Amino acid sequence: MGTKTVDETGVKTDEHKTDEAADAAEATEATEAPESIDVTKAAEAPEAAGTDTPAEDADASTDEDTDEGPDGTGTAGTGAAPTGVGQGAGAVVSAGLGIVSLTGSWVGTVASARESLMGQLQTSSSSDVGTLIEKGYGNAWQATAMWGGIFALVALIVGVVVLARPAFGAPGRPQAPWIKSVAWAGVALGVIGLLLAVLKYTDVLLGLPATG
């Protein structure tokens, strides 16, 4: 830097003014440089923090979402849970079979007609009344009762299986209320149908009329 000179009258020369301007410029640069550096670092720091943190979170969430199950399919925690469709279908079948056992079926109708026809073929006009009634009607009614009892027994078995199924399935999964209701209806209808079939087959209920 140049040497500051002052004339005898105390007035500053041009050289002195030039030196003061240079000193002021250097002081300004010295004060502005740290501020610009700090501002630049402050601007870069959030970007760096904002870039790393979401990436780590995304990696963590990806790892959690893609945890592989026992079969290696990447669906751990989302295994197929029993839907109860089979149990519901079984309950409906049980109730339907119970109704058929009480109202009759085409199988029972055909079996009854067949027994009636065979009875007519096995008897003649010379047969007594008791034989005609037994061969023509008794056997046919017993055939109807037998097939009704078969349907009632199947309805009873299916209903009991549906009600007992949760005990052998996944623990902690209660059976739907409507499945229980329908299954119990099937069991009840099966019991009633089976009881009526036995009573009719043994002629305790609606037996053959007496001929003598």
C-alpha atoms as a PDB file:
ATOM      1  CA  MET A   1       0.000   0.000   0.000  1.00  0.00           C
ATOM      2  CA  GLY A   2       1.193   3.515  -0.700  1.00  0.00           C
ATOM      3  CA  THR A   3       2.485   5.766   1.971  1.00  0.00           C
ATOM      4  CA  LYS A   4       0.014   8.295   3.214  1.00  0.00           C
ATOM      5  CA  THR A   5       1.307  11.812   2.849  1.00  0.00           C
ATOM      6  CA  VAL A   6      -0.224  14.989   4.113  1.00  0.00           C
ATOM      7  CA  ASP A   7       0.982  18.379   2.973  1.00  0.00           C
ATOM      8  CA  GLU A   8       1.927  21.104   5.363  1.00  0.00           C
ATOM      9  CA  THR A   9      -1.498  22.683   5.180  1.00  0.00           C
ATOM     10  CA  GLY A  10      -3.142  19.431   6.470  1.00  0.00           C
ATOM     11  CA  VAL A  11      -4.995  18.733   3.169  1.00  0.00           C
ATOM     12  CA  LYS A  12      -5.109  15.135   1.991  1.00  0.00           C
ATOM     13  CA  THR A  13      -3.576  14.416  -1.389  1.00  0.00           C
ATOM     14  CA  ASP A  14      -5.082  12.245  -4.183  1.00  0.00           C
ATOM     15  CA  GLU A  15      -2.775   9.380  -3.290  1.00  0.00           C
ATOM     16  CA  HIS A  16      -4.050   9.359   0.252  1.00  0.00           C
ATOM     17  CA  LYS A  17      -7.669   9.265  -0.948  1.00  0.00           C
ATOM     18  CA  THR A  18      -6.895   6.319  -3.234  1.00  0.00           C
ATOM     19  CA  ASP A  19      -5.369   4.343  -0.375  1.00  0.00           C
ATOM     20  CA  GLU A  20      -8.395   4.942   1.850  1.00  0.00           C
ATOM     21  CA  ALA A  21     -10.764   3.722  -0.883  1.00  0.00           C
ATOM     22  CA  ALA A  22      -8.715   0.542  -1.319  1.00  0.00           C
ATOM     23  CA  ASP A  23      -8.770  -0.132   2.458  1.00  0.00           C
ATOM     24  CA  ALA A  24     -12.551   0.317   2.556  1.00  0.00           C
ATOM     25  CA  ALA A  25     -13.021  -2.137  -0.332  1.00  0.00           C
ATOM     26  CA  GLU A  26     -10.879  -4.773   1.396  1.00  0.00           C
ATOM     27  CA  ALA A  27     -12.802  -4.357   4.638  1.00  0.00           C
ATOM     28  CA  THR A  28     -16.096  -4.789   2.796  1.00  0.00           C
ATOM     29  CA  GLU A  29     -14.948  -8.002   1.089  1.00  0.00           C
ATOM     30  CA  ALA A  30     -13.674  -9.348   4.423  1.00  0.00           C
ATOM     31  CA  THR A  31     -17.053  -8.818   6.081  1.00  0.00           C
ATOM     32  CA  GLU A  32     -19.166 -10.075   3.163  1.00  0.00           C
ATOM     33  CA  ALA A  33     -17.212 -13.276   2.483  1.00  0.00           C
ATOM     34  CA  PRO A  34     -18.100 -15.134   5.735  1.00  0.00           C
ATOM     35  CA  GLU A  35     -21.722 -14.123   5.369  1.00  0.00           C
ATOM     36  CA  SER A  36     -21.927 -15.505   1.819  1.00  0.00           C
ATOM     37  CA  ILE A  37     -20.282 -18.733   2.917  1.00  0.00           C
ATOM     38  CA  ASP A  38     -22.690 -19.158   5.820  1.00  0.00           C
ATOM     39  CA  VAL A  39     -25.688 -18.439   3.629  1.00  0.00           C
ATOM     40  CA  THR A  40     -24.506 -20.984   1.057  1.00  0.00           C
ATOM     41  CA  LYS A  41     -23.989 -23.660   3.702  1.00  0.00           C
ATOM     42  CA  ALA A  42     -27.383 -22.941   5.256  1.00  0.00           C
ATOM     43  CA  ALA A  43     -29.023 -23.291   1.856  1.00  0.00           C
ATOM     44  CA  GLU A  44     -27.259 -26.577   1.110  1.00  0.00           C
ATOM     45  CA  ALA A  45     -27.804 -28.138   4.556  1.00  0.00           C
ATOM     46  CA  PRO A  46     -31.637 -28.440   4.356  1.00  0.00           C
ATOM     47  CA  GLU A  47     -31.372 -29.897   0.876  1.00  0.00           C
ATOM     48  CA  ALA A  48     -28.937 -32.523   2.065  1.00  0.00           C
ATOM     49  CA  ALA A  49     -31.039 -33.287   5.132  1.00  0.00           C
ATOM     50  CA  GLY A  50     -34.250 -33.368   3.124  1.00  0.00           C
ATOM     51  CA  THR A  51     -32.700 -35.716   0.573  1.00  0.00           C
ATOM     52  CA  ASP A  52     -31.237 -38.252   2.964  1.00  0.00           C
ATOM     53  CA  THR A  53     -34.099 -38.552   5.466  1.00  0.00           C
ATOM     54  CA  PRO A  54     -36.935 -39.397   2.997  1.00  0.00           C
ATOM     55  CA  ALA A  55     -34.637 -41.832   1.236  1.00  0.00           C
ATOM     56  CA  GLU A  56     -33.962 -43.653   4.480  1.00  0.00           C
ATOM     57  CA  ASP A  57     -37.682 -43.634   5.353  1.00  0.00           C
ATOM     58  CA  ALA A  58     -38.564 -44.929   1.906  1.00  0.00           C
ATOM     59  CA  ASP A  59     -36.007 -47.712   2.206  1.00  0.00           C
ATOM     60  CA  ALA A  60     -37.342 -48.643   5.637  1.00  0.00           C
ATOM     61  CA  SER A  61     -40.957 -48.653   4.459  1.00  0.00           C
ATOM     62  CA  THR A  62     -39.985 -50.662   1.390  1.00  0.00           C
ATOM     63  CA  ASP A  63     -38.238 -53.227   3.533  1.00  0.00           C
ATOM     64  CA  GLU A  64     -41.268 -53.501   5.786  1.00  0.00           C
ATOM     65  CA  ASP A  65     -43.697 -53.811   2.859  1.00  0.00           C
ATOM     66  CA  THR A  66     -41.647 -56.424   1.070  1.00  0.00           C
ATOM     67  CA  ASP A  67     -41.018 -58.752   3.999  1.00  0.00           C
ATOM     68  CA  GLU A  68     -41.269 -62.194   2.548  1.00  0.00           C
ATOM     69  CA  GLY A  69     -43.597 -64.724   4.051  1.00  0.00           C
ATOM     70  CA  PRO A  70     -42.829 -68.393   4.560  1.00  0.00           C
ATOM     71  CA  ASP A  71     -43.473 -69.070   0.874  1.00  0.00           C
ATOM     72  CA  GLY A  72     -41.181 -66.250  -0.301  1.00  0.00           C
ATOM     73  CA  THR A  73     -43.930 -64.329  -2.071  1.00  0.00           C
ATOM     74  CA  GLY A  74     -43.396 -61.056  -0.228  1.00  0.00           C
ATOM     75  CA  THR A  75     -46.857 -61.004   1.295  1.00  0.00           C
ATOM     76  CA  ALA A  76     -46.085 -61.558   4.957  1.00  0.00           C
ATOM     77  CA  GLY A  77     -48.886 -60.493   7.228  1.00  0.00           C
ATOM     78  CA  THR A  78     -51.437 -60.625   4.390  1.00  0.00           C
ATOM     79  CA  GLY A  79     -51.988 -64.363   4.195  1.00  0.00           C
ATOM     80  CA  ALA A  80     -55.295 -65.573   2.830  1.00  0.00           C
ATOM     81  CA  ALA A  81     -57.674 -65.859   5.748  1.00  0.00           C
ATOM     82  CA  PRO A  82     -60.541 -68.336   5.717  1.00  0.00           C
ATOM     83  CA  THR A  83     -63.615 -66.634   4.288  1.00  0.00           C
ATOM     84  CA  GLY A  84     -66.199 -69.088   5.621  1.00  0.00           C
ATOM     85  CA  VAL A  85     -67.678 -69.678   2.164  1.00  0.00           C
ATOM     86  CA  GLY A  86     -67.534 -73.446   2.549  1.00  0.00           C
ATOM     87  CA  GLN A  87     -69.143 -73.369   5.981  1.00  0.00           C
ATOM     88  CA  GLY A  88     -71.905 -71.090   4.716  1.00  0.00           C
ATOM     89  CA  ALA A  89     -72.600 -73.387   1.775  1.00  0.00           C
ATOM     90  CA  GLY A  90     -72.685 -76.409   4.070  1.00  0.00           C
ATOM     91  CA  ALA A  91     -75.161 -74.685   6.386  1.00  0.00           C
ATOM     92  CA  VAL A  92     -77.482 -73.842   3.475  1.00  0.00           C
ATOM     93  CA  VAL A  93     -77.259 -77.416   2.153  1.00  0.00           C
ATOM     94  CA  SER A  94     -78.098 -78.788   5.580  1.00  0.00           C
ATOM     95  CA  ALA A  95     -81.195 -76.581   5.889  1.00  0.00           C
ATOM     96  CA  GLY A  96     -82.278 -77.434   2.348  1.00  0.00           C
ATOM     97  CA  LEU A  97     -81.977 -81.165   2.916  1.00  0.00           C
ATOM     98  CA  GLY A  98     -83.936 -80.816   6.142  1.00  0.00           C
ATOM     99  CA  ILE A  99     -86.798 -79.138   4.271  1.00  0.00           C
ATOM    100  CA  VAL A 100     -86.735 -81.821   1.570  1.00  0.00           C
ATOM    101  CA  SER A 101     -86.945 -84.545   4.209  1.00  0.00           C
ATOM    102  CA  LEU A 102     -90.215 -83.031   5.456  1.00  0.00           C
ATOM    103  CA  THR A 103     -91.838 -82.055   2.160  1.00  0.00           C
ATOM    104  CA  GLY A 104     -90.702 -85.002   0.060  1.00  0.00           C
ATOM    105  CA  SER A 105     -88.506 -85.357  -3.003  1.00  0.00           C
ATOM    106  CA  TRP A 106     -88.838 -86.727  -6.507  1.00  0.00           C
ATOM    107  CA  VAL A 107     -86.703 -89.697  -5.439  1.00  0.00           C
ATOM    108  CA  GLY A 108     -89.207 -90.583  -2.722  1.00  0.00           C
ATOM    109  CA  THR A 109     -92.107 -90.088  -5.128  1.00  0.00           C
ATOM    110  CA  VAL A 110     -90.599 -92.406  -7.722  1.00  0.00           C
ATOM    111  CA  ALA A 111     -89.742 -95.011  -5.086  1.00  0.00           C
ATOM    112  CA  SER A 112     -93.293 -94.908  -3.741  1.00  0.00           C
ATOM    113  CA  ALA A 113     -94.832 -95.316  -7.196  1.00  0.00           C
ATOM    114  CA  ARG A 114     -92.491 -98.189  -7.947  1.00  0.00           C
ATOM    115  CA  GLU A 115     -93.421-100.038  -4.760  1.00  0.00           C
ATOM    116  CA  SER A 116     -97.100 -99.493  -5.508  1.00  0.00           C
ATOM    117  CA  LEU A 117     -96.709-100.922  -9.011  1.00  0.00           C
ATOM    118  CA  MET A 118     -94.796-103.924  -7.757  1.00  0.00           C
ATOM    119  CA  GLY A 119     -97.483-104.543  -5.159  1.00  0.00           C
ATOM    120  CA  GLN A 120    -100.157-104.565  -7.831  1.00  0.00           C
ATOM    121  CA  LEU A 121     -98.161-107.056  -9.885  1.00  0.00           C
ATOM    122  CA  GLN A 122     -97.646-109.364  -6.893  1.00  0.00           C
ATOM    123  CA  THR A 123    -101.302-109.493  -5.943  1.00  0.00           C
ATOM    124  CA  SER A 124    -104.381-110.720  -7.750  1.00  0.00           C
ATOM    125  CA  SER A 125    -108.072-110.179  -7.481  1.00  0.00           C
ATOM    126  CA  SER A 126    -108.285-113.244  -5.244  1.00  0.00           C
ATOM    127  CA  SER A 127    -105.950-111.748  -2.615  1.00  0.00           C
ATOM    128  CA  ASP A 128    -107.500-110.633   0.621  1.00  0.00           C
ATOM    129  CA  VAL A 129    -107.968-106.973   1.466  1.00  0.00           C
ATOM    130  CA  GLY A 130    -105.135-106.884   3.967  1.00  0.00           C
ATOM    131  CA  THR A 131    -102.627-108.095   1.403  1.00  0.00           C
ATOM    132  CA  LEU A 132    -103.872-105.649  -1.205  1.00  0.00           C
ATOM    133  CA  ILE A 133    -103.527-102.729   1.187  1.00  0.00           C
ATOM    134  CA  GLU A 134    -100.097-103.770   2.375  1.00  0.00           C
ATOM    135  CA  LYS A 135     -98.697-104.418  -1.097  1.00  0.00           C
ATOM    136  CA  GLY A 136    -100.376-101.504  -2.797  1.00  0.00           C
ATOM    137  CA  TYR A 137     -99.999 -98.785  -0.135  1.00  0.00           C
ATOM    138  CA  GLY A 138     -98.001 -99.936   2.877  1.00  0.00           C
ATOM    139  CA  ASN A 139     -94.781-100.639   0.990  1.00  0.00           C
ATOM    140  CA  ALA A 140     -95.120 -97.424  -0.981  1.00  0.00           C
ATOM    141  CA  TRP A 141     -95.542 -95.344   2.153  1.00  0.00           C
ATOM    142  CA  GLN A 142     -92.569 -97.041   3.774  1.00  0.00           C
ATOM    143  CA  ALA A 143     -90.436 -96.265   0.728  1.00  0.00           C
ATOM    144  CA  THR A 144     -91.400 -92.586   0.994  1.00  0.00           C
ATOM    145  CA  ALA A 145     -90.588 -92.591   4.718  1.00  0.00           C
ATOM    146  CA  MET A 146     -87.244 -94.295   4.103  1.00  0.00           C
ATOM    147  CA  TRP A 147     -86.079 -91.714   1.569  1.00  0.00           C
ATOM    148  CA  GLY A 148     -87.283 -88.896   3.791  1.00  0.00           C
ATOM    149  CA  GLY A 149     -85.265 -90.352   6.644  1.00  0.00           C
ATOM    150  CA  ILE A 150     -82.164 -90.571   4.431  1.00  0.00           C
ATOM    151  CA  PHE A 151     -82.403 -86.882   3.518  1.00  0.00           C
ATOM    152  CA  ALA A 152     -83.007 -85.976   7.152  1.00  0.00           C
ATOM    153  CA  LEU A 153     -79.962 -87.966   8.289  1.00  0.00           C
ATOM    154  CA  VAL A 154     -77.722 -86.295   5.703  1.00  0.00           C
ATOM    155  CA  ALA A 155     -79.025 -82.873   6.731  1.00  0.00           C
ATOM    156  CA  LEU A 156     -78.286 -83.679  10.371  1.00  0.00           C
ATOM    157  CA  ILE A 157     -74.740 -84.838   9.626  1.00  0.00           C
ATOM    158  CA  VAL A 158     -73.904 -81.829   7.431  1.00  0.00           C
ATOM    159  CA  GLY A 159     -75.268 -79.399  10.026  1.00  0.00           C
ATOM    160  CA  VAL A 160     -73.239 -80.977  12.833  1.00  0.00           C
ATOM    161  CA  VAL A 161     -70.070 -80.885  10.710  1.00  0.00           C
ATOM    162  CA  VAL A 162     -70.565 -77.176   9.955  1.00  0.00           C
ATOM    163  CA  LEU A 163     -71.091 -76.357  13.627  1.00  0.00           C
ATOM    164  CA  ALA A 164     -68.045 -78.369  14.671  1.00  0.00           C
ATOM    165  CA  ARG A 165     -65.780 -77.009  11.948  1.00  0.00           C
ATOM    166  CA  PRO A 166     -64.413 -73.972  13.893  1.00  0.00           C
ATOM    167  CA  ALA A 167     -63.020 -76.280  16.563  1.00  0.00           C
ATOM    168  CA  PHE A 168     -60.660 -77.784  13.966  1.00  0.00           C
ATOM    169  CA  GLY A 169     -59.865 -74.564  12.087  1.00  0.00           C
ATOM    170  CA  ALA A 170     -57.761 -71.498  12.813  1.00  0.00           C
ATOM    171  CA  PRO A 171     -58.008 -70.431  16.477  1.00  0.00           C
ATOM    172  CA  GLY A 172     -59.413 -67.007  17.221  1.00  0.00           C
ATOM    173  CA  ARG A 173     -61.642 -66.898  14.147  1.00  0.00           C
ATOM    174  CA  PRO A 174     -65.275 -67.015  15.300  1.00  0.00           C
ATOM    175  CA  GLN A 175     -67.920 -68.440  13.012  1.00  0.00           C
ATOM    176  CA  ALA A 176     -70.309 -65.972  11.425  1.00  0.00           C
ATOM    177  CA  PRO A 177     -73.652 -65.761  13.270  1.00  0.00           C
ATOM    178  CA  TRP A 178     -75.728 -66.399  10.156  1.00  0.00           C
ATOM    179  CA  ILE A 179     -73.797 -69.608   9.456  1.00  0.00           C
ATOM    180  CA  LYS A 180     -74.534 -70.858  12.959  1.00  0.00           C
ATOM    181  CA  SER A 181     -78.214 -69.965  12.624  1.00  0.00           C
ATOM    182  CA  VAL A 182     -78.666 -71.737   9.294  1.00  0.00           C
ATOM    183  CA  ALA A 183     -76.665 -74.759  10.448  1.00  0.00           C
ATOM    184  CA  TRP A 184     -78.762 -75.073  13.603  1.00  0.00           C
ATOM    185  CA  ALA A 185     -81.896 -74.807  11.457  1.00  0.00           C
ATOM    186  CA  GLY A 186     -80.605 -77.670   9.303  1.00  0.00           C
ATOM    187  CA  VAL A 187     -79.863 -79.770  12.371  1.00  0.00           C
ATOM    188  CA  ALA A 188     -83.313 -79.121  13.812  1.00  0.00           C
ATOM    189  CA  LEU A 189     -85.067 -79.944  10.548  1.00  0.00           C
ATOM    190  CA  GLY A 190     -82.940 -83.072  10.205  1.00  0.00           C
ATOM    191  CA  VAL A 191     -83.871 -84.293  13.668  1.00  0.00           C
ATOM    192  CA  ILE A 192     -87.576 -83.666  13.059  1.00  0.00           C
ATOM    193  CA  GLY A 193     -87.502 -85.294   9.633  1.00  0.00           C
ATOM    194  CA  LEU A 194     -85.603 -88.320  10.913  1.00  0.00           C
ATOM    195  CA  LEU A 195     -88.003 -88.768  13.804  1.00  0.00           C
ATOM    196  CA  LEU A 196     -91.072 -88.572  11.550  1.00  0.00           C
ATOM    197  CA  ALA A 197     -89.520 -90.983   9.056  1.00  0.00           C
ATOM    198  CA  VAL A 198     -88.856 -93.580  11.749  1.00  0.00           C
ATOM    199  CA  LEU A 199     -92.364 -93.233  13.152  1.00  0.00           C
ATOM    200  CA  LYS A 200     -93.937 -93.630   9.724  1.00  0.00           C
ATOM    201  CA  TYR A 201     -91.732 -96.520   8.656  1.00  0.00           C
ATOM    202  CA  THR A 202     -92.645 -98.469  11.797  1.00  0.00           C
ATOM    203  CA  ASP A 203     -96.358 -97.644  11.351  1.00  0.00           C
ATOM    204  CA  VAL A 204     -96.445 -95.848  14.699  1.00  0.00           C
ATOM    205  CA  LEU A 205     -97.513 -92.685  12.852  1.00  0.00           C
ATOM    206  CA  LEU A 206    -100.210 -92.919  10.160  1.00  0.00           C
ATOM    207  CA  GLY A 207    -100.153 -96.720  10.096  1.00  0.00           C
ATOM    208  CA  LEU A 208    -102.154 -98.923   7.743  1.00  0.00           C
ATOM    209  CA  PRO A 209    -105.884 -99.122   8.457  1.00  0.00           C
ATOM    210  CA  ALA A 210    -107.135-102.314  10.097  1.00  0.00           C
ATOM    211  CA  THR A 211    -108.970-104.684   7.763  1.00  0.00           C
ATOM    212  CA  GLY A 212    -110.506-107.089  10.180  1.00  0.00           C
END
